[in-house]
Amino acid sequence: MTNTKEDSPLSGLANSQTDLRANSLVSTIEAILYLKGQPLSLAEIADCAGCARDLAHEALLDLMNDYAQRDTALEVVELRKGCYTLQLRDRFQSLVERLIPADLGVAALRTLAVIALKGPLPMADLVDLRGSGAYQHVQELVERDFVKKRRYGRSSMVQVSEKFHRYFQLDVENQNSAQLELALNQLRSTLPPDEDAAEDPEDPEDLDRDSVDPDLD
């Protein structure tokens, strides 16, 4: 008997490819919420993901459902109609005082979290992620000995220091451990909106990735 369209091998392959694209969009939106670190509207999420709003909304619902079923410190929630964020669950709020240095600014702390999870990384890559204000953040973090910086071509390379690991009680020899990722996710998700980023007049995507670090001669 001839296979119907529904149960043909080609139909199954098409469905599989559709599922893969949907899963990829869910992961992309998760990364967007993580990197932005503040509530985003559906329009902003769709724009960052490069997809239609209805597809972004479907992926967001899948992501929210996924986090709801996980035993994790984080959750994806809708704070107000049409605005979504990745944040720490209420039961973990008691960790905030231990994890966050009270005398560092919100923007600098977000930059520190990116360096810890992505570093060592070139300063140009950090600027792409955090905007041109990252130069000032790194200077402050270097002065506080949370970050180390070394020359890297015409720019510099940044990474967290031994003091950072001691402060957060993390394994210095295993920077990419699950413990580190959990701690930094908690740190980022408990911070209020990044007001400094809104004051930055430059769009990170417009910055020259090979630009010279102003702190280097």
C-alpha atoms as a PDB file:
ATOM      1  CA  MET A   1       0.000   0.000   0.000  1.00  0.00           C
ATOM      2  CA  THR A   2       1.286   3.491  -0.825  1.00  0.00           C
ATOM      3  CA  ASN A   3       2.350   5.575   2.162  1.00  0.00           C
ATOM      4  CA  THR A   4       0.098   8.535   2.904  1.00  0.00           C
ATOM      5  CA  LYS A   5       1.598  11.997   3.200  1.00  0.00           C
ATOM      6  CA  GLU A   6       1.285  11.879   6.979  1.00  0.00           C
ATOM      7  CA  ASP A   7       3.321   8.714   7.512  1.00  0.00           C
ATOM      8  CA  SER A   8       5.819   9.041   4.661  1.00  0.00           C
ATOM      9  CA  PRO A   9       9.564   9.199   5.435  1.00  0.00           C
ATOM     10  CA  LEU A  10       9.770  12.676   3.881  1.00  0.00           C
ATOM     11  CA  SER A  11       6.984  13.917   6.121  1.00  0.00           C
ATOM     12  CA  GLY A  12       8.790  12.587   9.180  1.00  0.00           C
ATOM     13  CA  LEU A  13      12.018  14.276   8.111  1.00  0.00           C
ATOM     14  CA  ALA A  14      10.241  17.590   7.625  1.00  0.00           C
ATOM     15  CA  ASN A  15       8.688  17.359  11.087  1.00  0.00           C
ATOM     16  CA  SER A  16      12.080  16.545  12.592  1.00  0.00           C
ATOM     17  CA  GLN A  17      13.672  19.560  10.922  1.00  0.00           C
ATOM     18  CA  THR A  18      10.844  21.779  12.166  1.00  0.00           C
ATOM     19  CA  ASP A  19      11.400  20.529  15.724  1.00  0.00           C
ATOM     20  CA  LEU A  20      15.126  21.243  15.451  1.00  0.00           C
ATOM     21  CA  ARG A  21      14.468  24.808  14.300  1.00  0.00           C
ATOM     22  CA  ALA A  22      11.995  25.327  17.145  1.00  0.00           C
ATOM     23  CA  ASN A  23      14.469  23.997  19.724  1.00  0.00           C
ATOM     24  CA  SER A  24      17.184  26.224  18.293  1.00  0.00           C
ATOM     25  CA  LEU A  25      14.930  29.283  18.640  1.00  0.00           C
ATOM     26  CA  VAL A  26      14.141  28.369  22.251  1.00  0.00           C
ATOM     27  CA  SER A  27      17.874  28.175  23.022  1.00  0.00           C
ATOM     28  CA  THR A  28      18.492  31.452  21.206  1.00  0.00           C
ATOM     29  CA  ILE A  29      15.841  33.261  23.232  1.00  0.00           C
ATOM     30  CA  GLU A  30      17.227  31.764  26.443  1.00  0.00           C
ATOM     31  CA  ALA A  31      20.648  33.192  25.529  1.00  0.00           C
ATOM     32  CA  ILE A  32      19.111  36.592  24.723  1.00  0.00           C
ATOM     33  CA  LEU A  33      17.374  36.820  28.103  1.00  0.00           C
ATOM     34  CA  TYR A  34      20.561  35.740  29.868  1.00  0.00           C
ATOM     35  CA  LEU A  35      22.882  38.177  28.085  1.00  0.00           C
ATOM     36  CA  LYS A  36      20.523  41.160  28.278  1.00  0.00           C
ATOM     37  CA  GLY A  37      19.922  40.590  31.980  1.00  0.00           C
ATOM     38  CA  GLN A  38      16.775  42.725  32.091  1.00  0.00           C
ATOM     39  CA  PRO A  39      13.079  42.438  31.157  1.00  0.00           C
ATOM     40  CA  LEU A  40      12.474  42.487  27.404  1.00  0.00           C
ATOM     41  CA  SER A  41       9.291  42.977  25.433  1.00  0.00           C
ATOM     42  CA  LEU A  42       8.161  40.373  22.937  1.00  0.00           C
ATOM     43  CA  ALA A  43       9.040  42.784  20.131  1.00  0.00           C
ATOM     44  CA  GLU A  44      12.586  43.226  21.482  1.00  0.00           C
ATOM     45  CA  ILE A  45      13.070  39.479  21.847  1.00  0.00           C
ATOM     46  CA  ALA A  46      11.793  38.803  18.335  1.00  0.00           C
ATOM     47  CA  ASP A  47      14.061  41.520  16.942  1.00  0.00           C
ATOM     48  CA  CYS A  48      17.137  40.118  18.717  1.00  0.00           C
ATOM     49  CA  ALA A  49      16.281  36.576  17.601  1.00  0.00           C
ATOM     50  CA  GLY A  50      15.538  37.677  14.037  1.00  0.00           C
ATOM     51  CA  CYS A  51      12.147  35.977  13.909  1.00  0.00           C
ATOM     52  CA  ALA A  52       8.454  36.815  13.765  1.00  0.00           C
ATOM     53  CA  ARG A  53       6.709  37.742  17.016  1.00  0.00           C
ATOM     54  CA  ASP A  54       4.360  34.763  16.906  1.00  0.00           C
ATOM     55  CA  LEU A  55       7.324  32.381  16.637  1.00  0.00           C
ATOM     56  CA  ALA A  56       9.114  34.203  19.468  1.00  0.00           C
ATOM     57  CA  HIS A  57       5.999  33.918  21.630  1.00  0.00           C
ATOM     58  CA  GLU A  58       5.673  30.178  20.990  1.00  0.00           C
ATOM     59  CA  ALA A  59       9.358  29.674  21.816  1.00  0.00           C
ATOM     60  CA  LEU A  60       8.999  31.747  24.997  1.00  0.00           C
ATOM     61  CA  LEU A  61       6.097  29.599  26.176  1.00  0.00           C
ATOM     62  CA  ASP A  62       8.182  26.479  25.537  1.00  0.00           C
ATOM     63  CA  LEU A  63      11.112  28.013  27.430  1.00  0.00           C
ATOM     64  CA  MET A  64       8.937  29.036  30.385  1.00  0.00           C
ATOM     65  CA  ASN A  65       7.427  25.548  30.543  1.00  0.00           C
ATOM     66  CA  ASP A  66      10.894  23.986  30.343  1.00  0.00           C
ATOM     67  CA  TYR A  67      12.173  26.040  33.295  1.00  0.00           C
ATOM     68  CA  ALA A  68       8.983  25.345  35.264  1.00  0.00           C
ATOM     69  CA  GLN A  69       9.719  21.611  35.055  1.00  0.00           C
ATOM     70  CA  ARG A  70      13.404  21.909  35.987  1.00  0.00           C
ATOM     71  CA  ASP A  71      14.836  21.718  39.489  1.00  0.00           C
ATOM     72  CA  THR A  72      16.885  24.876  38.941  1.00  0.00           C
ATOM     73  CA  ALA A  73      17.563  28.166  40.712  1.00  0.00           C
ATOM     74  CA  LEU A  74      16.303  30.153  37.726  1.00  0.00           C
ATOM     75  CA  GLU A  75      12.952  30.749  36.080  1.00  0.00           C
ATOM     76  CA  VAL A  76      11.619  32.576  33.030  1.00  0.00           C
ATOM     77  CA  VAL A  77       8.634  34.749  33.932  1.00  0.00           C
ATOM     78  CA  GLU A  78       6.390  37.399  32.443  1.00  0.00           C
ATOM     79  CA  LEU A  79       6.747  40.392  34.773  1.00  0.00           C
ATOM     80  CA  ARG A  80       4.116  42.494  33.070  1.00  0.00           C
ATOM     81  CA  LYS A  81       2.136  41.973  29.899  1.00  0.00           C
ATOM     82  CA  GLY A  82       4.544  41.315  27.063  1.00  0.00           C
ATOM     83  CA  CYS A  83       7.793  41.644  29.094  1.00  0.00           C
ATOM     84  CA  TYR A  84       9.865  38.595  29.996  1.00  0.00           C
ATOM     85  CA  THR A  85      12.971  37.985  32.075  1.00  0.00           C
ATOM     86  CA  LEU A  86      15.283  35.239  33.332  1.00  0.00           C
ATOM     87  CA  GLN A  87      15.526  35.595  37.104  1.00  0.00           C
ATOM     88  CA  LEU A  88      16.333  33.867  40.382  1.00  0.00           C
ATOM     89  CA  ARG A  89      13.534  31.938  42.072  1.00  0.00           C
ATOM     90  CA  ASP A  90      12.227  33.491  45.278  1.00  0.00           C
ATOM     91  CA  ARG A  91      13.530  30.687  47.489  1.00  0.00           C
ATOM     92  CA  PHE A  92      17.128  31.557  46.568  1.00  0.00           C
ATOM     93  CA  GLN A  93      16.938  35.262  47.442  1.00  0.00           C
ATOM     94  CA  SER A  94      18.746  34.623  50.742  1.00  0.00           C
ATOM     95  CA  LEU A  95      21.926  33.992  48.723  1.00  0.00           C
ATOM     96  CA  VAL A  96      21.996  37.521  47.323  1.00  0.00           C
ATOM     97  CA  GLU A  97      23.923  39.161  50.170  1.00  0.00           C
ATOM     98  CA  ARG A  98      26.643  36.492  50.065  1.00  0.00           C
ATOM     99  CA  LEU A  99      27.059  36.504  46.299  1.00  0.00           C
ATOM    100  CA  ILE A 100      26.940  40.184  45.404  1.00  0.00           C
ATOM    101  CA  PRO A 101      29.666  42.674  46.403  1.00  0.00           C
ATOM    102  CA  ALA A 102      27.552  45.535  47.762  1.00  0.00           C
ATOM    103  CA  ASP A 103      29.942  48.307  46.726  1.00  0.00           C
ATOM    104  CA  LEU A 104      30.145  47.403  43.021  1.00  0.00           C
ATOM    105  CA  GLY A 105      27.700  48.951  40.566  1.00  0.00           C
ATOM    106  CA  VAL A 106      25.043  46.915  38.795  1.00  0.00           C
ATOM    107  CA  ALA A 107      26.595  47.406  35.349  1.00  0.00           C
ATOM    108  CA  ALA A 108      30.072  46.411  36.580  1.00  0.00           C
ATOM    109  CA  LEU A 109      28.648  43.287  38.221  1.00  0.00           C
ATOM    110  CA  ARG A 110      26.945  42.246  35.005  1.00  0.00           C
ATOM    111  CA  THR A 111      30.207  42.736  33.144  1.00  0.00           C
ATOM    112  CA  LEU A 112      31.993  40.663  35.795  1.00  0.00           C
ATOM    113  CA  ALA A 113      29.472  37.855  35.297  1.00  0.00           C
ATOM    114  CA  VAL A 114      30.059  37.858  31.531  1.00  0.00           C
ATOM    115  CA  ILE A 115      33.848  37.750  32.008  1.00  0.00           C
ATOM    116  CA  ALA A 116      33.542  34.844  34.446  1.00  0.00           C
ATOM    117  CA  LEU A 117      31.312  32.770  32.177  1.00  0.00           C
ATOM    118  CA  LYS A 118      32.916  33.652  28.833  1.00  0.00           C
ATOM    119  CA  GLY A 119      36.533  34.443  29.744  1.00  0.00           C
ATOM    120  CA  PRO A 120      39.292  34.612  29.038  1.00  0.00           C
ATOM    121  CA  LEU A 121      37.962  36.729  26.175  1.00  0.00           C
ATOM    122  CA  PRO A 122      39.229  39.661  24.087  1.00  0.00           C
ATOM    123  CA  MET A 123      38.148  43.097  25.234  1.00  0.00           C
ATOM    124  CA  ALA A 124      36.522  43.671  21.828  1.00  0.00           C
ATOM    125  CA  ASP A 125      34.241  40.659  22.381  1.00  0.00           C
ATOM    126  CA  LEU A 126      33.301  41.939  25.831  1.00  0.00           C
ATOM    127  CA  VAL A 127      32.443  45.341  24.355  1.00  0.00           C
ATOM    128  CA  ASP A 128      30.228  43.603  21.784  1.00  0.00           C
ATOM    129  CA  LEU A 129      28.309  41.969  24.641  1.00  0.00           C
ATOM    130  CA  ARG A 130      28.246  44.826  27.159  1.00  0.00           C
ATOM    131  CA  GLY A 131      28.691  48.042  25.181  1.00  0.00           C
ATOM    132  CA  SER A 132      31.473  50.611  25.354  1.00  0.00           C
ATOM    133  CA  GLY A 133      30.843  51.086  29.086  1.00  0.00           C
ATOM    134  CA  ALA A 134      32.690  47.781  29.549  1.00  0.00           C
ATOM    135  CA  TYR A 135      35.990  49.684  29.379  1.00  0.00           C
ATOM    136  CA  GLN A 136      35.123  51.581  32.563  1.00  0.00           C
ATOM    137  CA  HIS A 137      33.732  48.462  34.215  1.00  0.00           C
ATOM    138  CA  VAL A 138      36.934  46.511  33.538  1.00  0.00           C
ATOM    139  CA  GLN A 139      39.060  49.344  34.897  1.00  0.00           C
ATOM    140  CA  GLU A 140      37.041  49.280  38.120  1.00  0.00           C
ATOM    141  CA  LEU A 141      37.152  45.483  38.337  1.00  0.00           C
ATOM    142  CA  VAL A 142      40.918  45.426  37.738  1.00  0.00           C
ATOM    143  CA  GLU A 143      41.390  48.023  40.488  1.00  0.00           C
ATOM    144  CA  ARG A 144      39.336  45.819  42.809  1.00  0.00           C
ATOM    145  CA  ASP A 145      41.388  42.772  41.723  1.00  0.00           C
ATOM    146  CA  PHE A 146      38.327  40.831  40.535  1.00  0.00           C
ATOM    147  CA  VAL A 147      39.608  40.833  36.943  1.00  0.00           C
ATOM    148  CA  LYS A 148      43.029  40.448  35.294  1.00  0.00           C
ATOM    149  CA  LYS A 149      43.892  42.131  31.992  1.00  0.00           C
ATOM    150  CA  ARG A 150      46.811  41.465  29.656  1.00  0.00           C
ATOM    151  CA  ARG A 151      47.811  42.790  26.255  1.00  0.00           C
ATOM    152  CA  TYR A 152      46.263  40.965  23.290  1.00  0.00           C
ATOM    153  CA  GLY A 153      47.355  42.432  19.957  1.00  0.00           C
ATOM    154  CA  ARG A 154      46.040  45.979  19.685  1.00  0.00           C
ATOM    155  CA  SER A 155      43.521  45.334  22.451  1.00  0.00           C
ATOM    156  CA  SER A 156      43.583  43.265  25.655  1.00  0.00           C
ATOM    157  CA  MET A 157      42.405  39.937  27.068  1.00  0.00           C
ATOM    158  CA  VAL A 158      40.363  39.847  30.282  1.00  0.00           C
ATOM    159  CA  GLN A 159      39.582  37.073  32.756  1.00  0.00           C
ATOM    160  CA  VAL A 160      38.574  36.725  36.377  1.00  0.00           C
ATOM    161  CA  SER A 161      41.255  36.642  39.059  1.00  0.00           C
ATOM    162  CA  GLU A 162      42.056  34.318  41.939  1.00  0.00           C
ATOM    163  CA  LYS A 163      40.389  36.847  44.258  1.00  0.00           C
ATOM    164  CA  PHE A 164      37.161  36.418  42.310  1.00  0.00           C
ATOM    165  CA  HIS A 165      37.176  32.661  42.940  1.00  0.00           C
ATOM    166  CA  ARG A 166      37.986  33.157  46.618  1.00  0.00           C
ATOM    167  CA  TYR A 167      35.240  35.750  47.019  1.00  0.00           C
ATOM    168  CA  PHE A 168      32.603  33.525  45.443  1.00  0.00           C
ATOM    169  CA  GLN A 169      34.053  30.383  47.087  1.00  0.00           C
ATOM    170  CA  LEU A 170      34.568  28.670  43.730  1.00  0.00           C
ATOM    171  CA  ASP A 171      37.070  26.151  42.425  1.00  0.00           C
ATOM    172  CA  VAL A 172      39.960  28.129  40.876  1.00  0.00           C
ATOM    173  CA  GLU A 173      41.059  25.149  38.783  1.00  0.00           C
ATOM    174  CA  ASN A 174      37.626  24.541  37.261  1.00  0.00           C
ATOM    175  CA  GLN A 175      36.274  27.868  36.062  1.00  0.00           C
ATOM    176  CA  ASN A 176      33.687  26.232  33.779  1.00  0.00           C
ATOM    177  CA  SER A 177      32.212  24.054  36.505  1.00  0.00           C
ATOM    178  CA  ALA A 178      28.473  23.833  37.132  1.00  0.00           C
ATOM    179  CA  GLN A 179      29.123  25.534  40.477  1.00  0.00           C
ATOM    180  CA  LEU A 180      30.537  28.610  38.742  1.00  0.00           C
ATOM    181  CA  GLU A 181      27.717  28.813  36.218  1.00  0.00           C
ATOM    182  CA  LEU A 182      25.070  28.521  38.923  1.00  0.00           C
ATOM    183  CA  ALA A 183      26.698  31.220  41.060  1.00  0.00           C
ATOM    184  CA  LEU A 184      27.056  33.647  38.175  1.00  0.00           C
ATOM    185  CA  ASN A 185      23.546  32.981  36.900  1.00  0.00           C
ATOM    186  CA  GLN A 186      22.300  33.756  40.394  1.00  0.00           C
ATOM    187  CA  LEU A 187      24.381  36.914  40.535  1.00  0.00           C
ATOM    188  CA  ARG A 188      23.088  38.213  37.190  1.00  0.00           C
ATOM    189  CA  SER A 189      19.456  37.311  37.745  1.00  0.00           C
ATOM    190  CA  THR A 190      19.206  39.009  41.156  1.00  0.00           C
ATOM    191  CA  LEU A 191      20.459  42.376  39.942  1.00  0.00           C
ATOM    192  CA  PRO A 192      18.049  45.213  39.145  1.00  0.00           C
ATOM    193  CA  PRO A 193      17.795  46.552  35.574  1.00  0.00           C
ATOM    194  CA  ASP A 194      21.106  47.726  34.142  1.00  0.00           C
ATOM    195  CA  GLU A 195      20.579  51.502  34.085  1.00  0.00           C
ATOM    196  CA  ASP A 196      24.116  52.187  32.904  1.00  0.00           C
ATOM    197  CA  ALA A 197      23.492  50.274  29.683  1.00  0.00           C
ATOM    198  CA  ALA A 198      20.616  52.585  28.774  1.00  0.00           C
ATOM    199  CA  GLU A 199      22.903  55.585  29.210  1.00  0.00           C
ATOM    200  CA  ASP A 200      25.496  54.183  26.828  1.00  0.00           C
ATOM    201  CA  PRO A 201      25.041  56.080  23.542  1.00  0.00           C
ATOM    202  CA  GLU A 202      26.843  53.493  21.459  1.00  0.00           C
ATOM    203  CA  ASP A 203      25.263  50.375  20.028  1.00  0.00           C
ATOM    204  CA  PRO A 204      27.627  47.435  20.710  1.00  0.00           C
ATOM    205  CA  GLU A 205      26.926  46.035  17.240  1.00  0.00           C
ATOM    206  CA  ASP A 206      28.240  49.256  15.696  1.00  0.00           C
ATOM    207  CA  LEU A 207      31.567  49.082  17.524  1.00  0.00           C
ATOM    208  CA  ASP A 208      34.730  48.014  15.720  1.00  0.00           C
ATOM    209  CA  ARG A 209      35.701  44.602  17.063  1.00  0.00           C
ATOM    210  CA  ASP A 210      39.350  45.417  16.370  1.00  0.00           C
ATOM    211  CA  SER A 211      39.232  48.773  18.131  1.00  0.00           C
ATOM    212  CA  VAL A 212      42.149  49.680  20.351  1.00  0.00           C
ATOM    213  CA  ASP A 213      41.607  49.384  24.079  1.00  0.00           C
ATOM    214  CA  PRO A 214      41.827  52.985  25.385  1.00  0.00           C
ATOM    215  CA  ASP A 215      43.692  51.733  28.454  1.00  0.00           C
ATOM    216  CA  LEU A 216      46.565  50.510  26.248  1.00  0.00           C
ATOM    217  CA  ASP A 217      49.095  52.693  24.494  1.00  0.00           C
END
